[in-house]
Amino acid sequence: MEWFKFQEDKTTAAIQLILRAFNRKVDFHKLFKILYFADQKHLASYGRPITGDRYIAMKDGPVPSIVYSIMKFLRGEGDFFTPNNEHFRSYFSVQDGFNVSLLDKEINRDLLSESERRSLKSAFLECRDLDFSTLREKSHDDAWDRADNNNEMSGLTIAQAGGANEGIIEYIKLNIENDNLVF
C-alpha cells in the first residue's frame, strides 16, 4: 500500500523539539519510540502522520526507517539516499554509536502545526521516564504484533492501534491518495 511522503523538514523540526526537551541528547531507542507514538497519535486523531516515515517492526519495537538511515549515516555507516546529506550534519550528531545530540541550530517551529506539537509533547511526556524494557513492551502494540519481524508495519494498523475508528481510517486512505497525486 502507498503511504504518505516523508516530510524531511517536519521530521528535522520534530527531532529537534524532542532533543531540546531531553536537554539536547537522547538514545536512538527512546527517540524512535517517541516519534512512533507521536506519529500514531496524530495519525489516529487527524488522519495524517507527522513525519511520513514508514515504521519497521524490529526486535525492540517500531523503528522509523528513514530516520534510522539518517542516524546511521550520521554515525558514519554508509550513504543515505538524499542529495541533502550534509543538511542533517548541521542539525544533529551521533556519539557512542547510539546517542543523538542536537547542534546549535534554530528550530523552525512553524513547520509543525499545533496538533503536531501537541502529539509530540504527549508522546514525550508518556515516554521520557520509561526505561528501555518498559518502552520496548509499550511499543509492542497490535500494529507491531501484526507485522513480520524486520518488515514494514501497516500504517492503517498503526492508526487502529492508536485508537482510530473506521471513519478516520477512511479519511487516512483519502489523505494517502491525495498525498500521492502526481500532476
Protein backbone atom coordinates (compact mmCIF):
# COMPACT_ATOMS: atom_id res chain seq x y z
CA MET A 1 0.00 0.00 0.00
CA GLU A 2 1.15 3.52 -0.73
CA TRP A 3 1.96 5.72 2.22
CA PHE A 4 2.48 9.38 2.90
CA LYS A 5 5.57 11.16 1.60
CA PHE A 6 8.43 11.55 4.04
CA GLN A 7 8.48 15.08 5.44
CA GLU A 8 12.19 15.86 5.83
CA ASP A 9 11.79 19.38 7.24
CA LYS A 10 8.98 18.44 9.64
CA THR A 11 10.92 15.40 10.80
CA THR A 12 14.01 17.53 11.41
CA ALA A 13 11.96 20.00 13.48
CA ALA A 14 10.27 17.15 15.40
CA ILE A 15 13.62 15.57 16.30
CA GLN A 16 14.96 18.98 17.32
CA LEU A 17 12.00 19.52 19.67
CA ILE A 18 12.45 16.07 21.22
CA LEU A 19 16.17 16.62 21.72
CA ARG A 20 15.57 20.07 23.19
CA ALA A 21 13.12 18.51 25.67
CA PHE A 22 15.80 15.97 26.65
CA ASN A 23 18.35 18.71 27.23
CA ARG A 24 19.90 18.13 23.78
CA LYS A 25 20.70 14.39 23.86
CA VAL A 26 18.83 11.06 23.79
CA ASP A 27 19.44 7.50 22.63
CA PHE A 28 18.07 6.14 19.36
CA HIS A 29 15.61 3.78 21.07
CA LYS A 30 13.81 6.48 23.03
CA LEU A 31 13.85 8.92 20.11
CA PHE A 32 12.38 6.31 17.76
CA LYS A 33 9.62 5.35 20.19
CA ILE A 34 8.64 8.98 20.84
CA LEU A 35 8.44 9.57 17.08
CA TYR A 36 6.37 6.40 16.71
CA PHE A 37 3.85 7.34 19.38
CA ALA A 38 3.66 10.95 18.17
CA ASP A 39 3.03 9.79 14.59
CA GLN A 40 0.50 7.25 15.84
CA LYS A 41 -1.38 9.81 17.95
CA HIS A 42 -1.50 12.34 15.13
CA LEU A 43 -2.48 9.73 12.56
CA ALA A 44 -5.30 8.33 14.75
CA SER A 45 -6.64 11.78 15.62
CA TYR A 46 -6.09 13.84 12.46
CA GLY A 47 -5.64 11.32 9.64
CA ARG A 48 -2.00 12.21 8.88
CA PRO A 49 1.32 11.29 10.49
CA ILE A 50 3.84 13.97 11.37
CA THR A 51 6.92 12.52 9.66
CA GLY A 52 5.51 10.37 6.86
CA ASP A 53 8.20 7.81 7.72
CA ARG A 54 7.49 4.09 7.43
CA TYR A 55 7.93 2.04 10.59
CA ILE A 56 9.73 -1.29 10.67
CA ALA A 57 8.81 -3.93 13.26
CA MET A 58 12.20 -4.61 14.81
CA LYS A 59 13.03 -6.72 17.85
CA ASP A 60 12.93 -3.79 20.28
CA GLY A 61 9.85 -2.15 18.76
CA PRO A 62 8.91 0.09 15.83
CA VAL A 63 11.76 1.93 14.11
CA PRO A 64 11.25 4.82 11.66
CA SER A 65 13.03 3.58 8.55
CA ILE A 66 14.29 6.86 7.08
CA VAL A 67 15.16 8.42 10.43
CA TYR A 68 17.18 5.31 11.30
CA SER A 69 19.01 5.57 7.97
CA ILE A 70 19.78 9.22 8.74
CA MET A 71 21.17 8.31 12.16
CA LYS A 72 23.31 5.53 10.69
CA PHE A 73 24.62 8.00 8.10
CA LEU A 74 25.49 10.46 10.88
CA ARG A 75 27.48 7.81 12.73
CA GLY A 76 29.40 7.01 9.54
CA GLU A 77 27.62 3.88 8.34
CA GLY A 78 27.10 4.08 4.61
CA ASP A 79 25.41 6.59 2.40
CA PHE A 80 21.95 7.97 2.74
CA PHE A 81 19.67 8.40 -0.27
CA THR A 82 19.10 12.15 -0.15
CA PRO A 83 21.25 14.65 -2.03
CA ASN A 84 20.93 16.75 1.12
CA ASN A 85 23.09 14.59 3.43
CA GLU A 86 25.01 17.50 4.89
CA HIS A 87 21.70 19.09 5.91
CA PHE A 88 21.44 16.58 8.76
CA ARG A 89 25.04 17.10 9.86
CA SER A 90 24.19 20.73 10.58
CA TYR A 91 21.39 19.73 12.99
CA PHE A 92 22.49 16.53 14.72
CA SER A 93 25.50 14.47 15.71
CA VAL A 94 25.79 10.90 16.95
CA GLN A 95 28.06 9.87 19.81
CA ASP A 96 28.85 6.46 21.25
CA GLY A 97 27.10 4.80 18.32
CA PHE A 98 23.53 5.32 19.51
CA ASN A 99 23.11 8.72 21.20
CA VAL A 100 21.93 11.62 19.07
CA SER A 101 22.66 15.20 20.08
CA LEU A 102 21.18 18.48 18.99
CA LEU A 103 23.57 21.01 17.49
CA ASP A 104 23.06 24.75 17.89
CA LYS A 105 20.63 25.32 15.07
CA GLU A 106 17.37 27.21 15.48
CA ILE A 107 14.17 25.17 15.42
CA ASN A 108 11.66 26.26 12.81
CA ARG A 109 8.53 25.64 14.89
CA ASP A 110 6.38 26.98 12.05
CA LEU A 111 6.97 23.73 10.18
CA LEU A 112 4.84 21.88 12.73
CA SER A 113 1.17 22.53 13.32
CA GLU A 114 -0.22 23.00 16.80
CA SER A 115 -1.71 19.49 16.69
CA GLU A 116 1.66 18.03 15.66
CA ARG A 117 3.43 19.81 18.52
CA ARG A 118 0.76 18.55 20.95
CA SER A 119 1.21 14.97 19.70
CA LEU A 120 4.98 15.25 20.09
CA LYS A 121 4.64 16.69 23.59
CA SER A 122 2.17 13.98 24.62
CA ALA A 123 4.43 11.19 23.31
CA PHE A 124 7.43 12.80 25.03
CA LEU A 125 5.63 13.03 28.37
CA GLU A 126 4.45 9.41 28.11
CA CYS A 127 7.89 8.04 27.24
CA ARG A 128 10.53 10.28 28.80
CA ASP A 129 10.84 8.45 32.11
CA LEU A 130 10.35 4.90 30.84
CA ASP A 131 13.31 2.57 30.91
CA PHE A 132 14.34 0.56 27.86
CA SER A 133 12.36 -2.59 28.75
CA THR A 134 9.16 -0.74 29.63
CA LEU A 135 9.34 1.37 26.47
CA ARG A 136 10.04 -1.75 24.41
CA GLU A 137 7.00 -3.50 25.88
CA LYS A 138 4.78 -0.41 25.43
CA SER A 139 5.70 -0.20 21.73
CA HIS A 140 4.92 -3.87 21.13
CA ASP A 141 1.31 -2.97 20.36
CA ASP A 142 -1.14 -4.64 18.00
CA ALA A 143 0.42 -2.97 14.93
CA TRP A 144 3.85 -4.34 15.89
CA ASP A 145 2.37 -7.79 16.67
CA ARG A 146 0.68 -7.98 13.27
CA ALA A 147 3.83 -7.14 11.28
CA ASP A 148 6.50 -9.62 10.28
CA ASN A 149 9.83 -9.19 12.07
CA ASN A 150 12.09 -6.64 10.33
CA ASN A 151 9.34 -5.72 7.87
CA GLU A 152 7.19 -2.66 7.40
CA MET A 153 4.28 -2.12 9.74
CA SER A 154 0.94 -1.20 8.22
CA GLY A 155 0.19 2.48 8.70
CA LEU A 156 -3.52 1.72 8.96
CA THR A 157 -2.84 -0.84 11.68
CA ILE A 158 -0.66 1.73 13.48
CA ALA A 159 -3.62 4.13 13.39
CA GLN A 160 -6.00 1.45 14.67
CA ALA A 161 -3.61 0.56 17.49
CA GLY A 162 -3.69 4.27 18.36
CA GLY A 163 -7.48 4.25 18.60
CA ALA A 164 -8.54 5.34 15.09
CA ASN A 165 -12.12 4.46 14.22
CA GLU A 166 -13.35 3.39 10.77
CA GLY A 167 -14.17 6.99 9.80
CA ILE A 168 -10.58 8.07 10.47
CA ILE A 169 -9.25 5.00 8.63
CA GLU A 170 -11.24 6.01 5.53
CA TYR A 171 -10.00 9.59 5.92
CA ILE A 172 -6.41 8.32 6.15
CA LYS A 173 -6.87 6.37 2.91
CA LEU A 174 -8.16 9.51 1.20
CA ASN A 175 -5.25 11.56 2.56
CA ILE A 176 -2.77 8.95 1.29
CA GLU A 177 -4.36 9.09 -2.15
CA ASN A 178 -4.19 12.89 -2.17
CA ASP A 179 -0.61 12.93 -0.90
CA ASN A 180 0.45 10.68 -3.78
CA LEU A 181 -1.29 12.55 -6.61
CA VAL A 182 1.08 13.39 -9.43
CA PHE A 183 0.41 16.36 -11.67
